[in-house]
Amino acid sequence: MSTEFPSKNAITRQWHVLDAQEMVLGKLASKAAMLLMGKTKPSYTPFLDTGDHVIVVNASKVRVSGQKEEGKLYRHFTGYPGGLVSKSLKRVRAEKPTRLIEDAIQGMLPKTKLGKQMYRKLKVYAGPKHPHAAQKPTVMAENQGKVEV
C-alpha cells in the first residue's frame, strides 16, 4: 500500500482573515504560518504547498509583550561599507506597520523555494479594510472584531 499525495488539482485553498487588533505578535504570526503551510489540514504534506491564503488586518494595532517596543531592533544591510541600518520596533511601526507582521510570519516559514511560495499567499493591511471580498474569506474564531471589506 502506497501513500497517497494530493495532486495540484485536489488541493483546495481557502481564504482566512486574522484581525491583529490586540493580539500578541508572535501568537498571530504562528497561527498565520500554520495556515499558510497547511498544517491545519489532514492533507498536509511537508514537500507540497497545501496551505491557504491569509489576510491580516489592523496590523498597526498588534501588541508586543515585554520591553520589545524600544528594545527590539530591525536591521538590514545596504551593501555599502558601514551600511548597517537599525530601527527600533516603535519606529518601524510608525513608518510601515505591516513589516512587523510580515517579518514575523516569514521567519516562521521554511527558508526554501516552497517557503517563498507560501509567503506569497499572505496579505497584510494596516487598517481594518481589505480588497478581497470576492474571495469570500472566513473570519477566524479567535478574532470576533469588526473587519470591514
Protein backbone atom coordinates (compact mmCIF):
# COMPACT_ATOMS: atom_id res chain seq x y z
CA MET A 1 0.00 0.00 0.00
CA SER A 2 1.46 3.35 -1.01
CA THR A 3 0.93 6.77 0.50
CA GLU A 4 -1.39 9.00 -1.47
CA PHE A 5 -0.30 12.58 -2.06
CA PRO A 6 -2.69 15.35 -3.08
CA SER A 7 -2.41 16.38 -6.71
CA LYS A 8 -2.28 20.01 -7.77
CA ASN A 9 -5.97 19.92 -8.74
CA ALA A 10 -7.03 18.22 -5.49
CA ILE A 11 -5.63 20.98 -3.24
CA THR A 12 -8.41 23.33 -2.18
CA ARG A 13 -7.35 26.73 -0.90
CA GLN A 14 -9.49 28.81 1.41
CA TRP A 15 -9.12 32.45 2.43
CA HIS A 16 -8.88 33.38 6.13
CA VAL A 17 -8.97 36.80 7.80
CA LEU A 18 -6.98 37.34 11.00
CA ASP A 19 -7.64 40.52 12.97
CA ALA A 20 -4.37 41.64 14.57
CA GLN A 21 -6.02 44.14 16.91
CA GLU A 22 -4.87 43.46 20.50
CA MET A 23 -3.26 40.14 19.51
CA VAL A 24 0.31 39.37 20.53
CA LEU A 25 2.63 39.47 17.51
CA GLY A 26 4.17 36.01 17.99
CA LYS A 27 0.87 34.21 18.54
CA LEU A 28 -0.65 35.87 15.49
CA ALA A 29 2.41 35.00 13.37
CA SER A 30 2.42 31.34 14.41
CA LYS A 31 -1.31 30.99 13.66
CA ALA A 32 -0.83 32.58 10.22
CA ALA A 33 2.24 30.44 9.46
CA MET A 34 0.32 27.25 10.30
CA LEU A 35 -2.46 28.27 7.89
CA LEU A 36 -0.01 29.24 5.13
CA MET A 37 1.85 25.92 5.39
CA GLY A 38 -1.36 23.89 5.50
CA LYS A 39 -0.58 22.18 8.81
CA THR A 40 -4.20 22.54 9.90
CA LYS A 41 -5.38 20.29 7.06
CA PRO A 42 -5.44 16.49 7.00
CA SER A 43 -3.84 16.57 3.53
CA TYR A 44 -0.66 18.29 4.85
CA THR A 45 2.48 17.17 3.06
CA PRO A 46 5.86 18.67 4.03
CA PHE A 47 7.16 18.96 0.46
CA LEU A 48 3.96 20.39 -1.10
CA ASP A 49 2.27 23.75 -0.68
CA THR A 50 -1.17 22.72 0.59
CA GLY A 51 -1.79 25.88 2.62
CA ASP A 52 -4.47 28.54 2.50
CA HIS A 53 -4.42 32.27 1.80
CA VAL A 54 -4.22 34.54 4.86
CA ILE A 55 -5.34 38.17 5.14
CA VAL A 56 -4.17 40.08 8.22
CA VAL A 57 -5.99 43.34 9.01
CA ASN A 58 -5.35 46.01 11.68
CA ALA A 59 -1.60 45.36 11.53
CA SER A 60 -0.87 48.74 13.12
CA LYS A 61 -2.69 47.68 16.32
CA VAL A 62 -0.76 44.47 17.00
CA ARG A 63 0.57 44.07 20.55
CA VAL A 64 4.06 43.07 21.68
CA SER A 65 5.00 41.76 25.09
CA GLY A 66 7.73 42.93 27.44
CA GLN A 67 10.13 45.72 26.51
CA LYS A 68 10.17 44.95 22.80
CA GLU A 69 8.67 48.30 21.77
CA GLU A 70 12.02 50.03 22.44
CA GLY A 71 14.39 47.06 22.72
CA LYS A 72 13.71 45.02 19.58
CA LEU A 73 15.73 46.13 16.56
CA TYR A 74 15.10 45.51 12.88
CA ARG A 75 18.38 45.51 10.94
CA HIS A 76 19.27 45.40 7.27
CA PHE A 77 22.49 45.91 5.35
CA THR A 78 22.52 48.31 2.41
CA GLY A 79 25.54 46.70 0.74
CA TYR A 80 27.84 49.67 1.30
CA PRO A 81 30.65 49.90 3.89
CA GLY A 82 29.14 50.99 7.19
CA GLY A 83 25.68 50.43 5.76
CA LEU A 84 24.07 48.53 8.64
CA VAL A 85 20.73 50.24 9.32
CA SER A 86 18.97 49.57 12.65
CA LYS A 87 15.47 50.70 13.56
CA SER A 88 13.51 50.07 16.74
CA LEU A 89 10.14 48.33 16.64
CA LYS A 90 8.47 51.61 17.61
CA ARG A 91 9.97 53.41 14.60
CA VAL A 92 9.17 50.58 12.18
CA ARG A 93 5.55 50.54 13.44
CA ALA A 94 5.30 54.29 12.72
CA GLU A 95 6.86 54.04 9.23
CA LYS A 96 5.47 50.72 7.93
CA PRO A 97 3.30 48.76 10.39
CA THR A 98 2.79 45.84 8.00
CA ARG A 99 6.51 44.98 8.13
CA LEU A 100 6.25 43.80 11.76
CA ILE A 101 3.80 41.04 10.87
CA GLU A 102 5.39 40.20 7.50
CA ASP A 103 8.83 39.67 9.07
CA ALA A 104 7.46 37.63 11.97
CA ILE A 105 5.49 35.31 9.68
CA GLN A 106 8.28 34.99 7.12
CA GLY A 107 10.64 33.94 9.91
CA MET A 108 8.33 31.03 10.77
CA LEU A 109 8.08 29.68 7.21
CA PRO A 110 10.63 27.36 5.57
CA LYS A 111 13.68 29.10 4.10
CA THR A 112 13.27 27.43 0.68
CA LYS A 113 11.52 27.98 -2.64
CA LEU A 114 8.48 26.35 -1.06
CA GLY A 115 8.57 28.89 1.79
CA LYS A 116 8.63 31.77 -0.70
CA GLN A 117 5.64 30.26 -2.48
CA MET A 118 3.78 30.07 0.84
CA TYR A 119 4.71 33.66 1.74
CA ARG A 120 3.13 34.96 -1.49
CA LYS A 121 -0.28 33.88 -0.17
CA LEU A 122 -0.03 36.36 2.73
CA LYS A 123 -1.72 39.77 2.51
CA VAL A 124 -1.21 42.29 5.33
CA TYR A 125 -3.12 45.58 5.74
CA ALA A 126 -2.56 48.31 8.35
CA GLY A 127 -6.26 49.21 8.65
CA PRO A 128 -9.49 47.23 9.01
CA LYS A 129 -10.32 47.16 5.27
CA HIS A 130 -9.12 44.70 2.64
CA PRO A 131 -9.96 44.36 -1.08
CA HIS A 132 -10.50 40.57 -1.07
CA ALA A 133 -14.29 40.40 -0.61
CA ALA A 134 -14.72 38.47 -3.87
CA GLN A 135 -12.77 35.52 -2.42
CA LYS A 136 -15.32 35.20 0.43
CA PRO A 137 -12.77 34.91 3.27
CA THR A 138 -13.75 33.41 6.62
CA VAL A 139 -13.03 35.40 9.78
CA MET A 140 -11.12 33.27 12.28
CA ALA A 141 -12.95 32.40 15.53
CA GLU A 142 -10.39 33.98 17.90
CA ASN A 143 -10.94 37.36 16.28
CA GLN A 144 -14.52 38.45 16.61
CA GLY A 145 -13.51 42.08 15.99
CA LYS A 146 -15.02 44.26 13.31
CA VAL A 147 -13.46 43.53 9.92
CA GLU A 148 -14.56 45.76 7.06
CA VAL A 149 -14.44 44.58 3.46
